[in-house]
Every structure is written in structure tokens, then in C-alpha cells.
């Protein structure tokens, strides 16, 4: 049996992990924007949590499904599968289930997710979806800056204790995500062949 996974360089992880955490904070702030909920303006639909768990925001772009919760992001593509990324780990997990057809408010209700897959084609899909997600984040940040201006992003970051982007540098967020997307396309793929009889 062979397993495949994506290898993430140390410097890459150091950069992307706090940046994703910051981005999730910004999504939460965008819901509270004085101009109106920016996620609504960006054509997300909302399923509020009834009891436990987090609100679910869903957007469709042709064959793509993007779902946001306070605890992570789902990025699924019809016929190809999906990835889920926990906001605190910034390490995508893969599932062959491409679309969420039910309302989900807690991570344990997601389909089975794995870091290591059994086919090279799956890990290649996971890497591509990861890169595409980061490119999508670049587009979203560019839209925010164009729609409500840099002052809104600056105010949101000033209120975040773990911000890694200086308020004066918010205009660079789309470029930063785009650069990381390009780097992600070239992430190396590792594999391991488990011999019969080994544990």
C-alpha cells in the first residue's frame, strides 16, 4: 500500500499559519461591517447555528463550493473532491466528497478527511485545490479593498491581537495570498510504500 502527502517547508508553514488565522478573523469582522455584511454582498448564503457550533456561510462559483465557519474553510470542486482547512493549522485535508449537501455547524460532522491519500492523483488534486483556495482568498481581499477601502481592513486588523499584517500594508494582502498560491503549486509530494507484513 502506498500513501501520498504534501510536504510543507518550515518557512512556508511559519508564514501561512498565522496568515490564515488572521484571515478567518477578517471574515468575522466583515460580517459586522457598517456597510452591511460583506459576506452577503459577496453572495454567500447563511445558515445560523441553532444550538452548538458555528454559523455556516456558503458560496457557489460554477462548480466550486466555498464554505466558511469560524473554525475553518471548505473548498470543494464538483467531480474532483474537496479540502477542508482548520483555521489554526493551515494544513489542508482531503475528501473525495466534493460538495456539502447538508447544513454543518461542527467539525465532527464533516465527511472523513485525511492528510495522506492512497493515490497520487488525489494528492495532486489536494495540492491544486489548496493553491486555488489561496488564489480565491487573494481575489476576495482584492474585492474588499475595492468595495469598502483600506480603512476598513486597517480597523479590523487593529482590533486583532494576533495580526501579522501592519495596518499600513493591507493593500498587499491580495498579492501575499497570490504569492503563496503560486508557491503552493510547487509544493513537493512525498510517498511511502508499506510493505506487506509490516505494522
C-alpha atoms as a PDB file:
ATOM      1  CA  UNK A   1       0.000   0.000   0.000  1.00  0.00           C
ATOM      2  CA  UNK A   2       1.315   3.437  -0.952  1.00  0.00           C
ATOM      3  CA  UNK A   3       0.384   6.680   0.782  1.00  0.00           C
ATOM      4  CA  UNK A   4       0.970  10.190  -0.576  1.00  0.00           C
ATOM      5  CA  UNK A   5       1.076  13.550   1.152  1.00  0.00           C
ATOM      6  CA  UNK A   6       2.148  17.148   0.618  1.00  0.00           C
ATOM      7  CA  UNK A   7       5.388  18.367   2.168  1.00  0.00           C
ATOM      8  CA  UNK A   8       5.328  21.889   3.622  1.00  0.00           C
ATOM      9  CA  UNK A   9       8.669  23.703   4.130  1.00  0.00           C
ATOM     10  CA  UNK A  10       9.189  25.219   7.573  1.00  0.00           C
ATOM     11  CA  UNK A  11       9.300  28.824   6.346  1.00  0.00           C
ATOM     12  CA  UNK A  12       6.154  28.271   4.309  1.00  0.00           C
ATOM     13  CA  UNK A  13       4.301  26.980   7.386  1.00  0.00           C
ATOM     14  CA  UNK A  14       5.554  29.860   9.510  1.00  0.00           C
ATOM     15  CA  UNK A  15       4.104  32.336   7.052  1.00  0.00           C
ATOM     16  CA  UNK A  16       0.804  30.748   6.139  1.00  0.00           C
ATOM     17  CA  UNK A  17      -0.377  29.507   9.533  1.00  0.00           C
ATOM     18  CA  UNK A  18      -0.752  32.933  11.245  1.00  0.00           C
ATOM     19  CA  UNK A  19      -1.943  34.493   7.993  1.00  0.00           C
ATOM     20  CA  UNK A  20      -4.869  32.072   7.711  1.00  0.00           C
ATOM     21  CA  UNK A  21      -5.770  32.647  11.363  1.00  0.00           C
ATOM     22  CA  UNK A  22      -5.788  36.376  10.637  1.00  0.00           C
ATOM     23  CA  UNK A  23      -7.899  35.869   7.506  1.00  0.00           C
ATOM     24  CA  UNK A  24     -10.542  33.989   9.475  1.00  0.00           C
ATOM     25  CA  UNK A  25     -10.691  36.907  11.901  1.00  0.00           C
ATOM     26  CA  UNK A  26     -11.174  39.271   8.962  1.00  0.00           C
ATOM     27  CA  UNK A  27     -14.081  37.192   7.654  1.00  0.00           C
ATOM     28  CA  UNK A  28     -15.707  37.520  11.063  1.00  0.00           C
ATOM     29  CA  UNK A  29     -15.183  41.278  11.063  1.00  0.00           C
ATOM     30  CA  UNK A  30     -16.598  41.555   7.540  1.00  0.00           C
ATOM     31  CA  UNK A  31     -19.881  40.170   8.825  1.00  0.00           C
ATOM     32  CA  UNK A  32     -20.053  43.218  11.126  1.00  0.00           C
ATOM     33  CA  UNK A  33     -19.072  45.819   8.522  1.00  0.00           C
ATOM     34  CA  UNK A  34     -21.049  49.101   8.884  1.00  0.00           C
ATOM     35  CA  UNK A  35     -21.651  48.979   5.118  1.00  0.00           C
ATOM     36  CA  UNK A  36     -23.527  45.723   5.649  1.00  0.00           C
ATOM     37  CA  UNK A  37     -22.442  42.088   5.956  1.00  0.00           C
ATOM     38  CA  UNK A  38     -19.735  41.789   3.307  1.00  0.00           C
ATOM     39  CA  UNK A  39     -20.197  38.033   3.033  1.00  0.00           C
ATOM     40  CA  UNK A  40     -23.774  38.678   1.949  1.00  0.00           C
ATOM     41  CA  UNK A  41     -22.514  41.228  -0.574  1.00  0.00           C
ATOM     42  CA  UNK A  42     -20.107  38.584  -1.863  1.00  0.00           C
ATOM     43  CA  UNK A  43     -23.064  36.250  -2.499  1.00  0.00           C
ATOM     44  CA  UNK A  44     -22.648  33.951   0.485  1.00  0.00           C
ATOM     45  CA  UNK A  45     -25.776  32.420   1.968  1.00  0.00           C
ATOM     46  CA  UNK A  46     -26.037  31.964   5.730  1.00  0.00           C
ATOM     47  CA  UNK A  47     -27.221  29.084   7.886  1.00  0.00           C
ATOM     48  CA  UNK A  48     -27.048  30.251  11.525  1.00  0.00           C
ATOM     49  CA  UNK A  49     -26.217  27.764  14.245  1.00  0.00           C
ATOM     50  CA  UNK A  50     -29.322  26.690  16.162  1.00  0.00           C
ATOM     51  CA  UNK A  51     -27.638  25.400  19.311  1.00  0.00           C
ATOM     52  CA  UNK A  52     -24.000  24.340  19.267  1.00  0.00           C
ATOM     53  CA  UNK A  53     -21.319  25.003  16.666  1.00  0.00           C
ATOM     54  CA  UNK A  54     -20.709  27.879  14.287  1.00  0.00           C
ATOM     55  CA  UNK A  55     -22.666  29.661  11.584  1.00  0.00           C
ATOM     56  CA  UNK A  56     -22.210  28.303   8.062  1.00  0.00           C
ATOM     57  CA  UNK A  57     -21.654  30.648   5.107  1.00  0.00           C
ATOM     58  CA  UNK A  58     -21.827  29.066   1.635  1.00  0.00           C
ATOM     59  CA  UNK A  59     -20.970  30.455  -1.795  1.00  0.00           C
ATOM     60  CA  UNK A  60     -21.154  28.790  -5.219  1.00  0.00           C
ATOM     61  CA  UNK A  61     -18.936  29.696  -8.160  1.00  0.00           C
ATOM     62  CA  UNK A  62     -19.934  27.484 -11.089  1.00  0.00           C
ATOM     63  CA  UNK A  63     -18.643  24.047  -9.957  1.00  0.00           C
ATOM     64  CA  UNK A  64     -16.949  25.350  -6.803  1.00  0.00           C
ATOM     65  CA  UNK A  65     -18.431  25.353  -3.299  1.00  0.00           C
ATOM     66  CA  UNK A  66     -16.778  27.572  -0.699  1.00  0.00           C
ATOM     67  CA  UNK A  67     -17.955  27.249   2.901  1.00  0.00           C
ATOM     68  CA  UNK A  68     -16.814  29.375   5.834  1.00  0.00           C
ATOM     69  CA  UNK A  69     -17.152  28.727   9.545  1.00  0.00           C
ATOM     70  CA  UNK A  70     -15.344  30.409  12.414  1.00  0.00           C
ATOM     71  CA  UNK A  71     -13.230  27.252  12.693  1.00  0.00           C
ATOM     72  CA  UNK A  72     -12.268  26.639   9.075  1.00  0.00           C
ATOM     73  CA  UNK A  73     -12.831  26.681   5.319  1.00  0.00           C
ATOM     74  CA  UNK A  74     -14.245  24.094   2.922  1.00  0.00           C
ATOM     75  CA  UNK A  75     -13.245  24.312  -0.747  1.00  0.00           C
ATOM     76  CA  UNK A  76     -14.911  21.704  -2.953  1.00  0.00           C
ATOM     77  CA  UNK A  77     -14.982  21.157  -6.681  1.00  0.00           C
ATOM     78  CA  UNK A  78     -17.640  19.015  -8.336  1.00  0.00           C
ATOM     79  CA  UNK A  79     -16.210  15.712  -9.673  1.00  0.00           C
ATOM     80  CA  UNK A  80     -12.769  16.329  -8.099  1.00  0.00           C
ATOM     81  CA  UNK A  81     -13.189  16.289  -4.329  1.00  0.00           C
ATOM     82  CA  UNK A  82     -12.693  18.877  -1.626  1.00  0.00           C
ATOM     83  CA  UNK A  83     -10.307  20.122   1.012  1.00  0.00           C
ATOM     84  CA  UNK A  84     -11.002  21.388   4.497  1.00  0.00           C
ATOM     85  CA  UNK A  85      -8.573  23.676   6.309  1.00  0.00           C
ATOM     86  CA  UNK A  86      -8.701  24.253  10.056  1.00  0.00           C
ATOM     87  CA  UNK A  87      -8.050  27.935  10.816  1.00  0.00           C
ATOM     88  CA  UNK A  88      -5.406  27.136  13.436  1.00  0.00           C
ATOM     89  CA  UNK A  89      -3.455  24.517  11.472  1.00  0.00           C
ATOM     90  CA  UNK A  90      -3.438  25.793   7.860  1.00  0.00           C
ATOM     91  CA  UNK A  91      -2.877  22.265   6.587  1.00  0.00           C
ATOM     92  CA  UNK A  92      -5.466  21.029   4.081  1.00  0.00           C
ATOM     93  CA  UNK A  93      -7.183  17.687   4.465  1.00  0.00           C
ATOM     94  CA  UNK A  94      -8.726  15.878   1.519  1.00  0.00           C
ATOM     95  CA  UNK A  95     -12.012  14.111   0.920  1.00  0.00           C
ATOM     96  CA  UNK A  96     -13.422  12.570  -2.249  1.00  0.00           C
ATOM     97  CA  UNK A  97     -16.785  14.085  -1.241  1.00  0.00           C
ATOM     98  CA  UNK A  98     -16.847  17.285  -3.323  1.00  0.00           C
ATOM     99  CA  UNK A  99     -19.971  19.000  -2.026  1.00  0.00           C
ATOM    100  CA  UNK A 100     -21.685  19.521   1.319  1.00  0.00           C
ATOM    101  CA  UNK A 101     -25.385  18.945   0.785  1.00  0.00           C
ATOM    102  CA  UNK A 102     -26.385  19.329   4.411  1.00  0.00           C
ATOM    103  CA  UNK A 103     -26.024  22.107   6.959  1.00  0.00           C
ATOM    104  CA  UNK A 104     -22.968  21.571   9.157  1.00  0.00           C
ATOM    105  CA  UNK A 105     -22.111  23.526  12.281  1.00  0.00           C
ATOM    106  CA  UNK A 106     -19.411  21.366  13.900  1.00  0.00           C
ATOM    107  CA  UNK A 107     -16.152  19.906  12.522  1.00  0.00           C
ATOM    108  CA  UNK A 108     -17.036  16.373  13.597  1.00  0.00           C
ATOM    109  CA  UNK A 109     -19.995  16.406  11.190  1.00  0.00           C
ATOM    110  CA  UNK A 110     -17.758  16.854   8.128  1.00  0.00           C
ATOM    111  CA  UNK A 111     -17.041  13.890   5.829  1.00  0.00           C
ATOM    112  CA  UNK A 112     -13.960  11.831   6.664  1.00  0.00           C
ATOM    113  CA  UNK A 113     -10.862  13.925   5.960  1.00  0.00           C
ATOM    114  CA  UNK A 114      -7.242  12.801   5.548  1.00  0.00           C
ATOM    115  CA  UNK A 115      -3.785  14.370   5.201  1.00  0.00           C
ATOM    116  CA  UNK A 116      -2.447  11.264   3.465  1.00  0.00           C
ATOM    117  CA  UNK A 117      -4.191   9.676   0.496  1.00  0.00           C
ATOM    118  CA  UNK A 118      -3.840   6.398  -1.347  1.00  0.00           C
ATOM    119  CA  UNK A 119      -3.494   7.664  -4.918  1.00  0.00           C
ATOM    120  CA  UNK A 120      -1.087  10.146  -6.454  1.00  0.00           C
ATOM    121  CA  UNK A 121      -3.919  11.733  -8.431  1.00  0.00           C
ATOM    122  CA  UNK A 122      -5.692  12.555  -5.150  1.00  0.00           C
ATOM    123  CA  UNK A 123      -2.700  14.286  -3.587  1.00  0.00           C
ATOM    124  CA  UNK A 124      -2.206  16.249  -6.798  1.00  0.00           C
ATOM    125  CA  UNK A 125      -5.851  17.308  -6.637  1.00  0.00           C
ATOM    126  CA  UNK A 126      -5.418  18.281  -2.981  1.00  0.00           C
ATOM    127  CA  UNK A 127      -2.401  20.439  -3.829  1.00  0.00           C
ATOM    128  CA  UNK A 128      -4.240  22.112  -6.706  1.00  0.00           C
ATOM    129  CA  UNK A 129      -7.332  22.816  -4.594  1.00  0.00           C
ATOM    130  CA  UNK A 130      -5.121  24.284  -1.867  1.00  0.00           C
ATOM    131  CA  UNK A 131      -3.448  26.598  -4.363  1.00  0.00           C
ATOM    132  CA  UNK A 132      -6.828  27.531  -5.852  1.00  0.00           C
ATOM    133  CA  UNK A 133      -8.203  28.319  -2.391  1.00  0.00           C
ATOM    134  CA  UNK A 134      -5.327  30.687  -1.654  1.00  0.00           C
ATOM    135  CA  UNK A 135      -5.893  32.340  -5.019  1.00  0.00           C
ATOM    136  CA  UNK A 136      -9.568  32.687  -4.115  1.00  0.00           C
ATOM    137  CA  UNK A 137      -8.553  34.413  -0.863  1.00  0.00           C
ATOM    138  CA  UNK A 138      -6.442  36.830  -2.912  1.00  0.00           C
ATOM    139  CA  UNK A 139      -9.471  37.658  -5.038  1.00  0.00           C
ATOM    140  CA  UNK A 140     -11.681  38.143  -2.007  1.00  0.00           C
ATOM    141  CA  UNK A 141      -9.226  40.521  -0.358  1.00  0.00           C
ATOM    142  CA  UNK A 142      -8.886  42.497  -3.586  1.00  0.00           C
ATOM    143  CA  UNK A 143     -12.682  42.778  -3.720  1.00  0.00           C
ATOM    144  CA  UNK A 144     -12.871  44.003  -0.117  1.00  0.00           C
ATOM    145  CA  UNK A 145     -10.298  46.717  -0.760  1.00  0.00           C
ATOM    146  CA  UNK A 146     -12.106  47.813  -3.900  1.00  0.00           C
ATOM    147  CA  UNK A 147     -15.557  47.704  -2.285  1.00  0.00           C
ATOM    148  CA  UNK A 148     -15.053  49.294   1.142  1.00  0.00           C
ATOM    149  CA  UNK A 149     -11.475  50.570   1.026  1.00  0.00           C
ATOM    150  CA  UNK A 150      -8.293  50.042   3.019  1.00  0.00           C
ATOM    151  CA  UNK A 151      -9.592  51.880   6.094  1.00  0.00           C
ATOM    152  CA  UNK A 152     -11.983  49.019   6.874  1.00  0.00           C
ATOM    153  CA  UNK A 153      -9.205  46.428   6.719  1.00  0.00           C
ATOM    154  CA  UNK A 154      -6.965  48.627   8.848  1.00  0.00           C
ATOM    155  CA  UNK A 155      -9.647  48.990  11.520  1.00  0.00           C
ATOM    156  CA  UNK A 156     -10.262  45.234  11.565  1.00  0.00           C
ATOM    157  CA  UNK A 157      -6.565  44.445  11.988  1.00  0.00           C
ATOM    158  CA  UNK A 158      -6.086  46.999  14.757  1.00  0.00           C
ATOM    159  CA  UNK A 159      -8.686  45.100  16.774  1.00  0.00           C
ATOM    160  CA  UNK A 160      -6.901  41.741  16.326  1.00  0.00           C
ATOM    161  CA  UNK A 161      -4.243  40.888  18.910  1.00  0.00           C
ATOM    162  CA  UNK A 162      -2.586  38.310  16.644  1.00  0.00           C
ATOM    163  CA  UNK A 163      -2.385  40.426  13.482  1.00  0.00           C
ATOM    164  CA  UNK A 164       0.745  39.827  11.406  1.00  0.00           C
ATOM    165  CA  UNK A 165      -0.090  42.395   8.712  1.00  0.00           C
ATOM    166  CA  UNK A 166       0.635  46.002   9.568  1.00  0.00           C
ATOM    167  CA  UNK A 167      -2.349  48.310   9.005  1.00  0.00           C
ATOM    168  CA  UNK A 168      -0.298  50.302   6.503  1.00  0.00           C
ATOM    169  CA  UNK A 169       0.285  47.118   4.457  1.00  0.00           C
ATOM    170  CA  UNK A 170      -3.306  45.924   3.966  1.00  0.00           C
ATOM    171  CA  UNK A 171      -3.145  46.710   0.246  1.00  0.00           C
ATOM    172  CA  UNK A 172      -0.548  43.922  -0.029  1.00  0.00           C
ATOM    173  CA  UNK A 173      -2.869  41.179   1.253  1.00  0.00           C
ATOM    174  CA  UNK A 174      -4.116  40.114  -2.214  1.00  0.00           C
ATOM    175  CA  UNK A 175      -0.541  39.929  -3.517  1.00  0.00           C
ATOM    176  CA  UNK A 176       0.573  37.984  -0.458  1.00  0.00           C
ATOM    177  CA  UNK A 177      -2.133  35.366  -0.936  1.00  0.00           C
ATOM    178  CA  UNK A 178      -1.393  35.180  -4.653  1.00  0.00           C
ATOM    179  CA  UNK A 179       2.308  34.611  -3.978  1.00  0.00           C
ATOM    180  CA  UNK A 180       1.510  31.820  -1.527  1.00  0.00           C
ATOM    181  CA  UNK A 181      -0.855  30.276  -4.083  1.00  0.00           C
ATOM    182  CA  UNK A 182       1.953  30.209  -6.632  1.00  0.00           C
ATOM    183  CA  UNK A 183       4.347  28.679  -4.095  1.00  0.00           C
ATOM    184  CA  UNK A 184       1.746  26.050  -3.215  1.00  0.00           C
ATOM    185  CA  UNK A 185       1.598  24.784  -6.786  1.00  0.00           C
ATOM    186  CA  UNK A 186       5.206  23.726  -6.432  1.00  0.00           C
ATOM    187  CA  UNK A 187       4.975  22.005  -3.044  1.00  0.00           C
ATOM    188  CA  UNK A 188       6.641  18.617  -3.185  1.00  0.00           C
ATOM    189  CA  UNK A 189       4.717  15.376  -2.851  1.00  0.00           C
ATOM    190  CA  UNK A 190       6.068  12.633  -0.613  1.00  0.00           C
ATOM    191  CA  UNK A 191       5.167   8.954  -0.664  1.00  0.00           C
ATOM    192  CA  UNK A 192       5.649   5.861   1.445  1.00  0.00           C
ATOM    193  CA  UNK A 193       5.233   2.249   0.407  1.00  0.00           C
ATOM    194  CA  UNK A 194       4.108  -0.008   3.236  1.00  0.00           C
ATOM    195  CA  UNK A 195       5.423  -3.492   2.736  1.00  0.00           C
ATOM    196  CA  UNK A 196       3.217  -6.486   3.367  1.00  0.00           C
ATOM    197  CA  UNK A 197       3.548  -7.843   6.867  1.00  0.00           C
ATOM    198  CA  UNK A 198       4.714  -4.543   8.388  1.00  0.00           C
ATOM    199  CA  UNK A 199       2.713  -2.709  11.018  1.00  0.00           C
END
